[in-house]
PDB file of N, CA and C in Angstrom:
ATOM      1  N   UNK A   1      31.247  -0.695 -31.761  1.00  0.00           N
ATOM      2  CA  UNK A   1      32.025  -0.576 -30.349  1.00  0.00           C
ATOM      3  C   UNK A   1      32.181   0.863 -30.162  1.00  0.00           C
ATOM      4  N   UNK A   2      32.547   1.593 -30.825  1.00  0.00           N
ATOM      5  CA  UNK A   2      32.488   3.498 -30.275  1.00  0.00           C
ATOM      6  C   UNK A   2      31.116   3.142 -30.486  1.00  0.00           C
ATOM      7  N   UNK A   3      29.913   3.356 -30.986  1.00  0.00           N
ATOM      8  CA  UNK A   3      28.932   3.705 -30.746  1.00  0.00           C
ATOM      9  C   UNK A   3      28.378   3.219 -29.238  1.00  0.00           C
ATOM     10  N   UNK A   4      28.642   1.954 -28.874  1.00  0.00           N
ATOM     11  CA  UNK A   4      28.864   1.791 -27.899  1.00  0.00           C
ATOM     12  C   UNK A   4      29.154   2.993 -26.542  1.00  0.00           C
ATOM     13  N   UNK A   5      30.080   2.953 -27.113  1.00  0.00           N
ATOM     14  CA  UNK A   5      31.416   4.162 -25.693  1.00  0.00           C
ATOM     15  C   UNK A   5      31.170   5.294 -25.595  1.00  0.00           C
ATOM     16  N   UNK A   6      30.092   6.136 -26.769  1.00  0.00           N
ATOM     17  CA  UNK A   6      29.418   6.913 -26.742  1.00  0.00           C
ATOM     18  C   UNK A   6      27.737   6.936 -25.879  1.00  0.00           C
ATOM     19  N   UNK A   7      27.486   5.911 -25.965  1.00  0.00           N
ATOM     20  CA  UNK A   7      26.500   5.579 -25.168  1.00  0.00           C
ATOM     21  C   UNK A   7      26.406   5.612 -23.800  1.00  0.00           C
ATOM     22  N   UNK A   8      27.264   4.864 -23.599  1.00  0.00           N
ATOM     23  CA  UNK A   8      28.184   5.434 -21.999  1.00  0.00           C
ATOM     24  C   UNK A   8      27.871   5.850 -21.527  1.00  0.00           C
ATOM     25  N   UNK A   9      29.136   6.956 -22.607  1.00  0.00           N
ATOM     26  CA  UNK A   9      29.436   8.060 -21.989  1.00  0.00           C
ATOM     27  C   UNK A   9      28.256   8.887 -21.554  1.00  0.00           C
ATOM     28  N   UNK A  10      27.445   8.853 -22.411  1.00  0.00           N
ATOM     29  CA  UNK A  10      26.438  10.495 -22.614  1.00  0.00           C
ATOM     30  C   UNK A  10      25.136   9.209 -21.639  1.00  0.00           C
ATOM     31  N   UNK A  11      25.066   8.350 -21.252  1.00  0.00           N
ATOM     32  CA  UNK A  11      24.071   7.262 -19.726  1.00  0.00           C
ATOM     33  C   UNK A  11      24.934   8.778 -18.049  1.00  0.00           C
ATOM     34  N   UNK A  12      26.296   8.550 -18.682  1.00  0.00           N
ATOM     35  CA  UNK A  12      26.862   8.995 -17.148  1.00  0.00           C
ATOM     36  C   UNK A  12      26.530  10.137 -16.780  1.00  0.00           C
ATOM     37  N   UNK A  13      26.521  10.687 -18.273  1.00  0.00           N
ATOM     38  CA  UNK A  13      26.646  12.599 -18.210  1.00  0.00           C
ATOM     39  C   UNK A  13      25.536  12.720 -17.632  1.00  0.00           C
ATOM     40  N   UNK A  14      24.406  12.296 -17.820  1.00  0.00           N
ATOM     41  CA  UNK A  14      22.830  12.250 -18.044  1.00  0.00           C
ATOM     42  C   UNK A  14      22.561  11.900 -16.485  1.00  0.00           C
ATOM     43  N   UNK A  15      23.169  10.682 -15.957  1.00  0.00           N
ATOM     44  CA  UNK A  15      23.182  10.103 -14.774  1.00  0.00           C
ATOM     45  C   UNK A  15      23.647  11.526 -13.435  1.00  0.00           C
ATOM     46  N   UNK A  16      24.774  11.984 -13.799  1.00  0.00           N
ATOM     47  CA  UNK A  16      25.402  12.954 -13.198  1.00  0.00           C
ATOM     48  C   UNK A  16      24.761  13.960 -12.558  1.00  0.00           C
ATOM     49  N   UNK A  17      24.294  14.996 -14.247  1.00  0.00           N
ATOM     50  CA  UNK A  17      23.159  15.931 -14.130  1.00  0.00           C
ATOM     51  C   UNK A  17      22.098  15.752 -13.108  1.00  0.00           C
ATOM     52  N   UNK A  18      21.389  14.589 -13.324  1.00  0.00           N
ATOM     53  CA  UNK A  18      20.135  14.309 -12.566  1.00  0.00           C
ATOM     54  C   UNK A  18      20.926  13.981 -10.461  1.00  0.00           C
ATOM     55  N   UNK A  19      21.624  13.527 -10.599  1.00  0.00           N
ATOM     56  CA  UNK A  19      22.103  13.371  -8.821  1.00  0.00           C
ATOM     57  C   UNK A  19      22.111  14.376  -8.285  1.00  0.00           C
ATOM     58  N   UNK A  20      22.532  15.633  -9.108  1.00  0.00           N
ATOM     59  CA  UNK A  20      23.481  16.415  -8.785  1.00  0.00           C
ATOM     60  C   UNK A  20      22.238  17.597  -8.476  1.00  0.00           C
ATOM     61  N   UNK A  21      20.665  17.357  -9.652  1.00  0.00           N
ATOM     62  CA  UNK A  21      19.287  18.296  -9.464  1.00  0.00           C
ATOM     63  C   UNK A  21      18.638  17.392  -8.306  1.00  0.00           C
ATOM     64  N   UNK A  22      18.941  16.074  -8.407  1.00  0.00           N
ATOM     65  CA  UNK A  22      18.160  15.807  -6.895  1.00  0.00           C
ATOM     66  C   UNK A  22      18.818  16.411  -5.624  1.00  0.00           C
ATOM     67  N   UNK A  23      20.379  15.989  -5.917  1.00  0.00           N
ATOM     68  CA  UNK A  23      21.003  16.104  -4.980  1.00  0.00           C
ATOM     69  C   UNK A  23      20.866  17.439  -4.227  1.00  0.00           C
ATOM     70  N   UNK A  24      20.795  18.952  -5.640  1.00  0.00           N
ATOM     71  CA  UNK A  24      20.285  19.981  -5.182  1.00  0.00           C
ATOM     72  C   UNK A  24      19.117  20.682  -5.147  1.00  0.00           C
ATOM     73  N   UNK A  25      18.097  20.655  -5.314  1.00  0.00           N
ATOM     74  CA  UNK A  25      16.715  21.051  -5.499  1.00  0.00           C
ATOM     75  C   UNK A  25      15.772  20.120  -4.948  1.00  0.00           C
ATOM     76  N   UNK A  26      15.634  19.116  -5.326  1.00  0.00           N
ATOM     77  CA  UNK A  26      14.916  17.790  -5.015  1.00  0.00           C
ATOM     78  C   UNK A  26      15.195  17.267  -3.567  1.00  0.00           C
ATOM     79  N   UNK A  27      15.881  16.983  -2.932  1.00  0.00           N
ATOM     80  CA  UNK A  27      15.764  16.004  -1.390  1.00  0.00           C
ATOM     81  C   UNK A  27      14.720  16.345  -0.864  1.00  0.00           C
ATOM     82  N   UNK A  28      14.079  17.202  -0.248  1.00  0.00           N
ATOM     83  CA  UNK A  28      13.110  17.173   0.369  1.00  0.00           C
ATOM     84  C   UNK A  28      11.973  16.236  -0.286  1.00  0.00           C
ATOM     85  N   UNK A  29      11.360  16.114  -1.585  1.00  0.00           N
ATOM     86  CA  UNK A  29      10.608  15.551  -3.042  1.00  0.00           C
ATOM     87  C   UNK A  29      10.972  14.678  -2.589  1.00  0.00           C
ATOM     88  N   UNK A  30      12.523  14.026  -2.544  1.00  0.00           N
ATOM     89  CA  UNK A  30      13.283  12.866  -2.993  1.00  0.00           C
ATOM     90  C   UNK A  30      12.517  11.648  -0.970  1.00  0.00           C
ATOM     91  N   UNK A  31      13.231  12.661   0.069  1.00  0.00           N
ATOM     92  CA  UNK A  31      12.993  11.488   0.820  1.00  0.00           C
ATOM     93  C   UNK A  31      11.308  11.164   1.312  1.00  0.00           C
ATOM     94  N   UNK A  32      10.541  12.252   0.831  1.00  0.00           N
ATOM     95  CA  UNK A  32       9.609  12.157   0.870  1.00  0.00           C
ATOM     96  C   UNK A  32       8.746  10.886   0.702  1.00  0.00           C
ATOM     97  N   UNK A  33       8.789  10.866  -0.824  1.00  0.00           N
ATOM     98  CA  UNK A  33       8.698   9.697  -1.615  1.00  0.00           C
ATOM     99  C   UNK A  33       9.297   8.318  -1.061  1.00  0.00           C
ATOM    100  N   UNK A  34      10.811   8.966  -0.514  1.00  0.00           N
ATOM    101  CA  UNK A  34      11.009   7.686   0.213  1.00  0.00           C
ATOM    102  C   UNK A  34      10.243   6.872   1.877  1.00  0.00           C
ATOM    103  N   UNK A  35      10.524   8.028   2.358  1.00  0.00           N
ATOM    104  CA  UNK A  35       8.913   7.825   3.152  1.00  0.00           C
ATOM    105  C   UNK A  35       7.675   7.202   3.193  1.00  0.00           C
ATOM    106  N   UNK A  36       7.178   7.242   2.112  1.00  0.00           N
ATOM    107  CA  UNK A  36       6.202   6.980   1.547  1.00  0.00           C
ATOM    108  C   UNK A  36       5.995   5.071   1.288  1.00  0.00           C
ATOM    109  N   UNK A  37       6.866   4.875   0.392  1.00  0.00           N
ATOM    110  CA  UNK A  37       7.236   3.526  -0.097  1.00  0.00           C
ATOM    111  C   UNK A  37       7.648   2.629   0.963  1.00  0.00           C
TER     112      UNK A  37
END
């Protein structure tokens, strides 16, 4: 159970960092790929 909590908190950290990176640096890229889909 402890291991599971650790994994979940790590995943949350990664998701938050990726979200900041996407919104901060790659927003035009993100909208471009959304338009293409």
